[in-house]
Protein backbone atom coordinates (compact mmCIF):
# COMPACT_ATOMS: atom_id res chain seq x y z
CA UNK A 1 27.98 -22.16 24.33
CA UNK A 2 28.61 -18.52 23.54
CA UNK A 3 31.30 -15.85 23.69
CA UNK A 4 32.52 -13.12 25.43
CA UNK A 5 32.23 -9.94 25.60
CA UNK A 6 35.22 -7.69 24.84
CA UNK A 7 37.17 -10.77 23.23
CA UNK A 8 37.43 -10.88 19.37
CA UNK A 9 37.36 -14.59 17.58
CA UNK A 10 37.84 -15.22 14.17
CA UNK A 11 37.89 -11.63 12.93
CA UNK A 12 34.80 -10.37 14.75
CA UNK A 13 35.12 -8.62 18.07
CA UNK A 14 32.20 -8.88 20.39
CA UNK A 15 31.07 -5.84 21.74
CA UNK A 16 27.58 -6.44 23.45
CA UNK A 17 25.05 -9.20 23.79
CA UNK A 18 21.67 -7.86 22.13
CA UNK A 19 19.53 -10.83 23.29
CA UNK A 20 18.99 -14.07 23.24
CA UNK A 21 15.42 -16.94 22.41
CA UNK A 22 14.98 -19.77 21.78
CA UNK A 23 16.03 -19.34 17.93
CA UNK A 24 19.02 -17.73 18.48
CA UNK A 25 21.81 -15.55 20.84
CA UNK A 26 22.72 -12.51 18.75
CA UNK A 27 25.75 -10.15 19.57
CA UNK A 28 26.94 -7.04 18.51
CA UNK A 29 29.55 -7.25 17.27
CA UNK A 30 33.09 -5.57 15.57
CA UNK A 31 34.40 -6.85 12.17
CA UNK A 32 37.70 -6.33 12.25
CA UNK A 33 38.41 -6.44 8.45
CA UNK A 34 35.65 -4.35 7.46
CA UNK A 35 36.11 -2.18 10.14
CA UNK A 36 31.92 -2.20 10.37
CA UNK A 37 29.57 -3.24 13.33
CA UNK A 38 27.30 -6.36 12.12
CA UNK A 39 24.98 -8.75 14.32
CA UNK A 40 25.98 -11.86 14.87
CA UNK A 41 23.86 -15.18 15.77
CA UNK A 42 24.85 -18.63 16.94
CA UNK A 43 22.16 -20.76 18.25
CA UNK A 44 21.47 -21.55 21.75
CA UNK A 45 23.47 -23.22 24.43
CA UNK A 46 22.50 -26.81 23.96
CA UNK A 47 20.54 -25.90 20.74
CA UNK A 48 23.71 -27.38 18.48
CA UNK A 49 22.46 -31.05 19.50
CA UNK A 50 18.64 -30.12 18.97
CA UNK A 51 17.69 -31.34 15.59
CA UNK A 52 15.03 -29.53 15.29
CA UNK A 53 16.47 -25.75 16.09
CA UNK A 54 19.67 -26.49 13.98
CA UNK A 55 17.56 -27.32 11.07
CA UNK A 56 15.82 -24.18 11.29
CA UNK A 57 18.52 -22.03 12.30
CA UNK A 58 19.87 -23.67 8.65
CA UNK A 59 16.85 -22.87 6.78
CA UNK A 60 16.81 -18.87 8.18
CA UNK A 61 20.11 -19.16 6.31
CA UNK A 62 18.78 -19.93 3.03
CA UNK A 63 15.87 -17.87 3.15
CA UNK A 64 17.67 -14.34 4.50
CA UNK A 65 20.37 -15.13 2.36
CA UNK A 66 17.82 -14.65 -0.72
CA UNK A 67 16.62 -11.44 0.44
CA UNK A 68 18.09 -8.30 -0.80
CA UNK A 69 16.15 -5.64 -0.25
CA UNK A 70 16.59 -1.53 0.65
CA UNK A 71 13.84 -2.62 3.64
CA UNK A 72 15.31 -5.89 4.35
CA UNK A 73 18.21 -6.03 6.93
CA UNK A 74 21.17 -7.62 4.50
CA UNK A 75 22.83 -10.69 5.29
CA UNK A 76 26.12 -11.17 5.44
CA UNK A 77 27.91 -14.60 5.77
CA UNK A 78 27.71 -17.90 7.45
CA UNK A 79 30.34 -20.14 9.04
CA UNK A 80 31.97 -22.13 12.03
CA UNK A 81 33.54 -20.46 14.44
CA UNK A 82 34.60 -22.66 17.23
CA UNK A 83 32.61 -25.51 16.06
CA UNK A 84 30.14 -23.53 15.98
CA UNK A 85 27.51 -22.46 13.31
CA UNK A 86 27.32 -18.83 12.87
CA UNK A 87 25.36 -15.64 10.51
CA UNK A 88 26.11 -12.27 10.40
CA UNK A 89 23.90 -9.43 9.17
CA UNK A 90 23.55 -5.89 9.06
CA UNK A 91 23.65 -4.56 12.24
CA UNK A 92 20.77 -1.38 11.97
CA UNK A 93 21.46 2.23 13.80
CA UNK A 94 17.94 3.21 15.42
CA UNK A 95 15.22 1.63 17.37
CA UNK A 96 12.43 -0.85 16.69
CA UNK A 97 8.81 -0.03 16.46
CA UNK A 98 8.43 -1.74 19.63
CA UNK A 99 10.58 0.70 21.14
CA UNK A 100 8.62 3.16 20.27
CA UNK A 101 5.30 2.34 20.81
CA UNK A 102 6.83 2.69 24.64
CA UNK A 103 6.35 6.25 23.99
CA UNK A 104 2.44 6.29 22.76
CA UNK A 105 0.97 6.05 19.34
CA UNK A 106 2.82 7.14 16.57
CA UNK A 107 2.30 9.67 14.33
CA UNK A 108 -0.83 8.55 11.50
CA UNK A 109 1.38 9.87 8.79
CA UNK A 110 4.31 8.07 9.91
CA UNK A 111 2.88 4.98 11.02
CA UNK A 112 1.68 4.73 7.28
CA UNK A 113 4.98 5.45 5.78
CA UNK A 114 6.69 2.43 8.56
CA UNK A 115 3.69 0.46 6.67
CA UNK A 116 4.65 0.69 3.43
CA UNK A 117 8.31 0.68 4.01
CA UNK A 118 7.56 -2.68 5.56
CA UNK A 119 5.26 -3.98 3.28
CA UNK A 120 7.89 -3.41 0.90
CA UNK A 121 10.27 -6.36 2.30
CA UNK A 122 7.14 -8.82 2.66
CA UNK A 123 6.57 -8.10 -1.36
CA UNK A 124 10.06 -8.62 -1.89
CA UNK A 125 9.82 -12.00 0.43
CA UNK A 126 6.40 -13.09 -0.45
CA UNK A 127 7.61 -12.77 -4.38
CA UNK A 128 10.70 -15.30 -3.09
CA UNK A 129 8.00 -17.55 -2.11
CA UNK A 130 8.89 -17.08 1.59
CA UNK A 131 6.24 -16.55 4.60
CA UNK A 132 7.72 -15.03 7.40
CA UNK A 133 5.45 -16.57 10.06
CA UNK A 134 6.63 -14.74 12.60
CA UNK A 135 6.12 -10.44 12.28
CA UNK A 136 5.96 -8.21 15.27
CA UNK A 137 6.50 -4.64 16.19
CA UNK A 138 10.13 -6.02 17.05
CA UNK A 139 10.97 -6.86 14.17
CA UNK A 140 10.77 -3.17 11.95
CA UNK A 141 13.77 -1.42 12.53
CA UNK A 142 13.03 2.59 12.10
CA UNK A 143 16.69 3.75 11.02
CA UNK A 144 18.05 7.17 11.42
CA UNK A 145 17.28 8.47 7.88
CA UNK A 146 13.30 7.26 9.08
CA UNK A 147 13.40 4.57 6.92
CA UNK A 148 11.66 0.34 8.44
CA UNK A 149 14.44 -2.59 7.61
CA UNK A 150 12.33 -6.13 8.46
CA UNK A 151 14.78 -8.64 10.38
CA UNK A 152 13.38 -11.66 12.48
CA UNK A 153 13.54 -14.23 9.51
CA UNK A 154 13.47 -17.27 12.39
CA UNK A 155 10.29 -18.36 11.73
CA UNK A 156 10.58 -17.73 8.20
CA UNK A 157 9.88 -20.46 5.38
CA UNK A 158 9.90 -20.92 1.69
CA UNK A 159 6.71 -22.44 0.42
CA UNK A 160 8.48 -25.98 -0.45
CA UNK A 161 10.57 -26.08 2.80
CA UNK A 162 9.48 -29.62 5.24
CA UNK A 163 7.37 -28.86 8.11
CA UNK A 164 9.43 -28.43 11.68
CA UNK A 165 6.88 -28.04 14.14
CA UNK A 166 4.75 -30.57 15.82
CA UNK A 167 1.20 -31.26 15.14
CA UNK A 168 -0.40 -28.77 17.32
CA UNK A 169 1.89 -26.19 17.92
CA UNK A 170 1.33 -22.79 17.39
CA UNK A 171 4.10 -20.81 15.27
CA UNK A 172 4.45 -17.19 15.96
CA UNK A 173 4.56 -14.51 18.56
CA UNK A 174 1.38 -15.06 20.14
CA UNK A 175 -0.19 -10.89 20.46
CA UNK A 176 0.59 -11.05 16.57
CA UNK A 177 -0.39 -13.61 14.96
CA UNK A 178 -3.38 -14.47 12.97
CA UNK A 179 -6.46 -16.76 13.52
CA UNK A 180 -4.97 -19.74 10.97
CA UNK A 181 -1.54 -19.60 12.73
CA UNK A 182 -3.69 -20.75 16.26
CA UNK A 183 -6.15 -22.78 14.16
CA UNK A 184 -2.84 -24.26 13.12
CA UNK A 185 -4.43 -24.92 9.66
CA UNK A 186 -2.27 -24.34 6.43
CA UNK A 187 -0.29 -21.11 5.67
CA UNK A 188 0.03 -18.53 3.41
CA UNK A 189 1.61 -14.63 2.85
CA UNK A 190 -1.25 -13.66 3.58
CA UNK A 191 -0.47 -14.50 7.28
CA UNK A 192 2.12 -11.48 7.22
CA UNK A 193 -0.94 -9.17 6.22
CA UNK A 194 -2.91 -10.16 9.43
CA UNK A 195 0.64 -9.37 11.06
CA UNK A 196 1.20 -6.25 9.94
CA UNK A 197 -2.27 -5.47 10.30
CA UNK A 198 -1.82 -5.63 14.09
CA UNK A 199 0.77 -3.88 14.31
CA UNK A 200 -0.14 -1.44 11.93
CA UNK A 201 -3.15 -0.59 14.62
CA UNK A 202 -0.80 -0.60 17.38
CA UNK A 203 0.71 2.42 15.85
CA UNK A 204 -1.83 3.89 15.07
CA UNK A 205 -3.62 3.54 18.07
CA UNK A 206 -0.61 2.85 20.84
CA UNK A 207 -2.74 -0.70 21.94
CA UNK A 208 -2.81 -4.19 20.89
CA UNK A 209 -6.09 -4.67 19.52
CA UNK A 210 -6.64 -7.85 21.33
CA UNK A 211 -5.48 -8.55 24.96
CA UNK A 212 -6.28 -10.95 27.46
CA UNK A 213 -5.37 -12.41 30.70
CA UNK A 214 -3.63 -15.55 29.47
CA UNK A 215 -2.39 -17.02 26.38
CA UNK A 216 -5.97 -18.74 25.60
CA UNK A 217 -7.76 -15.68 25.86
CA UNK A 218 -5.61 -14.26 23.42
CA UNK A 219 -5.87 -16.70 20.80
CA UNK A 220 -9.46 -17.09 21.25
CA UNK A 221 -9.29 -13.19 20.66
CA UNK A 222 -7.62 -13.47 17.09
CA UNK A 223 -10.35 -15.91 16.47
CA UNK A 224 -13.19 -14.56 17.52
CA UNK A 225 -13.02 -11.20 18.94
CA UNK A 226 -13.66 -7.67 16.85
CA UNK A 227 -11.31 -5.08 18.14
CA UNK A 228 -12.47 -1.80 18.34
CA UNK A 229 -12.29 0.89 15.29
CA UNK A 230 -8.55 2.53 15.76
CA UNK A 231 -10.23 6.45 15.34
CA UNK A 232 -12.54 5.62 18.03
CA UNK A 233 -9.43 4.93 20.33
CA UNK A 234 -7.21 7.53 18.91
CA UNK A 235 -9.59 10.59 17.15
CA UNK A 236 -6.78 11.76 15.12
CA UNK A 237 -6.59 9.18 13.01
CA UNK A 238 -8.51 9.56 10.10
CA UNK A 239 -11.64 6.93 9.50
CA UNK A 240 -10.74 5.93 6.04
CA UNK A 241 -7.29 5.28 7.82
CA UNK A 242 -8.67 3.25 10.75
CA UNK A 243 -10.59 0.82 7.74
CA UNK A 244 -7.78 -0.33 6.51
CA UNK A 245 -5.80 -1.55 9.72
CA UNK A 246 -9.28 -3.02 10.06
CA UNK A 247 -9.37 -4.90 6.63
CA UNK A 248 -5.32 -6.27 7.18
CA UNK A 249 -6.71 -8.20 10.53
CA UNK A 250 -10.48 -9.74 9.00
CA UNK A 251 -10.45 -13.27 10.51
CA UNK A 252 -10.80 -15.09 7.05
CA UNK A 253 -7.81 -14.61 4.58
CA UNK A 254 -10.29 -14.05 1.68
CA UNK A 255 -10.97 -10.79 3.26
CA UNK A 256 -8.01 -9.14 4.44
CA UNK A 257 -5.95 -7.19 1.29
CA UNK A 258 -4.58 -10.53 -0.34
CA UNK A 259 -1.16 -9.37 -0.99
CA UNK A 260 1.66 -6.80 0.21
CA UNK A 261 1.28 -4.73 -2.60
CA UNK A 262 -2.79 -4.35 -2.39
CA UNK A 263 -2.56 -3.23 1.46
CA UNK A 264 0.10 -1.14 0.76
CA UNK A 265 -1.51 0.52 -2.40
CA UNK A 266 -4.59 1.16 -0.54
CA UNK A 267 -1.91 3.04 2.32
CA UNK A 268 -0.70 5.60 -0.18
CA UNK A 269 -3.58 5.93 -1.83
CA UNK A 270 -4.56 7.58 1.90
CA UNK A 271 -0.79 9.32 1.88
CA UNK A 272 -1.06 11.16 -1.09
CA UNK A 273 -4.70 12.90 0.09
CA UNK A 274 -6.71 10.69 -2.45
CA UNK A 275 -10.11 10.01 -0.45
CA UNK A 276 -13.73 8.00 -1.15
CA UNK A 277 -14.02 9.82 -3.90
CA UNK A 278 -11.20 9.87 -5.73
CA UNK A 279 -11.28 6.47 -5.36
CA UNK A 280 -14.71 6.67 -7.31
CA UNK A 281 -13.21 9.25 -9.96
CA UNK A 282 -10.64 5.86 -10.22
CA UNK A 283 -12.44 3.27 -10.28
CA UNK A 284 -15.09 4.63 -13.49
CA UNK A 285 -11.68 5.98 -15.35
CA UNK A 286 -11.58 9.47 -15.20
CA UNK A 287 -8.43 11.38 -16.31
CA UNK A 288 -6.34 13.22 -14.62
CA UNK A 289 -6.34 16.19 -14.49
CA UNK A 290 -5.02 18.58 -16.85
CA UNK A 291 -5.69 16.46 -19.99
CA UNK A 292 -6.70 18.39 -23.29
CA UNK A 293 -9.88 17.98 -24.45
CA UNK A 294 -10.86 15.59 -27.38
CA UNK A 295 -11.54 16.71 -30.40
CA UNK A 296 -15.03 15.42 -30.81
CA UNK A 297 -15.75 15.80 -26.88
CA UNK A 298 -16.20 18.03 -23.76
CA UNK A 299 -13.69 18.70 -21.01
CA UNK A 300 -15.44 19.48 -17.68
CA UNK A 301 -13.26 20.14 -14.55
CA UNK A 302 -14.31 20.02 -10.94
CA UNK A 303 -12.35 20.36 -7.81
CA UNK A 304 -12.72 19.54 -4.34
CA UNK A 305 -11.33 20.24 -0.90
CA UNK A 306 -9.89 16.78 1.27
CA UNK A 307 -10.78 16.84 4.86
CA UNK A 308 -7.56 17.50 6.37
CA UNK A 309 -6.92 14.75 8.71
CA UNK A 310 -2.97 14.63 9.94
CA UNK A 311 -1.25 16.14 7.19
CA UNK A 312 -2.71 13.63 4.92
CA UNK A 313 -5.23 15.26 2.80
CA UNK A 314 -4.39 17.22 0.01
CA UNK A 315 -6.39 20.32 -0.97
CA UNK A 316 -7.83 21.53 -4.43
CA UNK A 317 -7.76 18.65 -6.07
CA UNK A 318 -8.82 18.72 -9.37
CA UNK A 319 -10.36 15.80 -11.61
CA UNK A 320 -11.02 16.44 -15.17
CA UNK A 321 -12.67 14.12 -17.84
CA UNK A 322 -13.98 14.39 -21.51
CA UNK A 323 -17.32 13.83 -22.05
CA UNK A 324 -18.85 12.97 -25.75
CA UNK A 325 -21.12 15.11 -27.55
CA UNK A 326 -24.71 14.72 -26.80
CA UNK A 327 -25.94 13.81 -30.66
CA UNK A 328 -28.33 16.40 -32.45
CA UNK A 329 -31.27 14.81 -34.37
CA UNK A 330 -33.44 17.58 -36.36
CA UNK A 331 -36.03 15.43 -37.77
CA UNK A 332 -36.89 14.18 -34.09
CA UNK A 333 -37.08 17.46 -32.55
CA UNK A 334 -34.25 16.48 -30.20
CA UNK A 335 -32.37 19.74 -29.99
CA UNK A 336 -31.92 21.37 -26.85
CA UNK A 337 -32.38 25.28 -26.86
CA UNK A 338 -29.57 26.77 -28.37
CA UNK A 339 -28.98 24.67 -30.53
CA UNK A 340 -33.02 24.66 -32.06
CA UNK A 341 -32.29 28.69 -32.12
CA UNK A 342 -29.53 28.06 -34.33
CA UNK A 343 -31.35 25.84 -36.35
CA UNK A 344 -34.21 28.05 -36.45
CA UNK A 345 -31.82 30.91 -37.84
CA UNK A 346 -30.05 28.99 -40.63
CA UNK A 347 -33.83 28.82 -41.96
CA UNK A 348 -34.86 31.79 -41.72
CA UNK A 349 -31.89 33.27 -42.91
CA UNK A 350 -31.92 30.72 -45.94
CA UNK A 351 -35.52 31.29 -46.96
CA UNK A 352 -34.87 34.94 -47.14
CA UNK A 353 -32.01 35.34 -49.45
CA UNK A 354 -34.39 33.00 -51.91
CA UNK A 355 -37.09 35.85 -51.09
CA UNK A 356 -34.94 38.64 -52.31
CA UNK A 357 -33.54 36.66 -55.29
CA UNK A 358 -36.91 36.46 -56.32
CA UNK A 359 -38.37 40.04 -55.29
CA UNK A 360 -34.44 41.07 -57.50
CA UNK A 361 -35.38 39.24 -60.95
CA UNK A 362 -38.82 40.09 -60.96
CA UNK A 363 -37.94 43.45 -60.46
CA UNK A 364 -35.64 43.50 -63.61
CA UNK A 365 -38.02 41.44 -65.93
CA UNK A 366 -40.95 44.01 -65.36
CA UNK A 367 -38.15 46.66 -66.11
CA UNK A 368 -37.73 44.39 -69.10
CA UNK A 369 -41.14 44.27 -69.90
CA UNK A 370 -41.91 48.01 -69.77
CA UNK A 371 -39.05 49.52 -71.96
CA UNK A 372 -40.15 47.13 -74.02
CA UNK A 373 -43.79 48.35 -73.67
CA UNK A 374 -42.82 52.28 -74.10
CA UNK A 375 -41.07 51.19 -76.90
CA UNK A 376 -43.71 49.91 -79.02
CA UNK A 377 -46.16 52.69 -78.66
CA UNK A 378 -43.26 55.57 -79.12
CA UNK A 379 -44.59 57.86 -81.95
């Protein structure tokens, strides 16, 4: 049983049906008391009598209610209405990434930003032990302010939740599932990294990394096929950005980004214009430009222009580091030419001073001796 559009039930005016699946039916409703639009979700017809579907719906309520984050659609309430269990969540005006992709690939700068927003949401979920497992382009809503919000927690589960899926059943959206989901092996947060990698690839190129004539071909491609480099499909995608997408799509979880934070940090470095040169500088610990030179060292600064690629580059990046002074050993003759000249000058000046002093003393002694002789011989 569902709700009729135009009717008001338990303080919710049913505005329209947004969609339905075996996971539930979603309505856009107006909360009469709060005077705001919300999304109201119920189990589909017949789902009330299905123990697995009911357990999954209850789990979605518990999981989503724990997640509070600016990039996650907010959970509001769960209750019974006319004998049906329902949940209400925030209604986010905007379009999904999937809808946006119908008009073609997304500009690299925007794609990177949207992916970073989604990864921030995943950081929150993974930090509380929750795996999404159903992430697709349709789960990411782009708000009118250009912020991405994550939704669609129907397949999400906590690490300690009991297994509800029968053995041999593939869980997740076919075109976005990870190889381990295809193989039915144990899952962790890295399956979400893969799924978001598929979405990111799709945003950059306007195409999914793996296509096939049937479900089996697509699943086989997730496990075995190597996707084309995004830059080879869309020449406007910088090579290093495409490399990040391919790393997220690695077949083995150990070869992907290990956390959402690691994935997001890689994207943020690119969006800040920090290319391979800056990454090397960071790896060896060069301090940032503008540092004062150390009292016992010399500061060396250099600048370089990164290639301008879709607005992601930052020309004239300057890096500085302090180099310790080279030790000078006079006895070992290791002085540089300038230092050797300085040492020679000091030595020469010292010898000249001694010679002048000796001459003056000799002149004085000689004068005294001459006066004494004159005094004795004078009549």
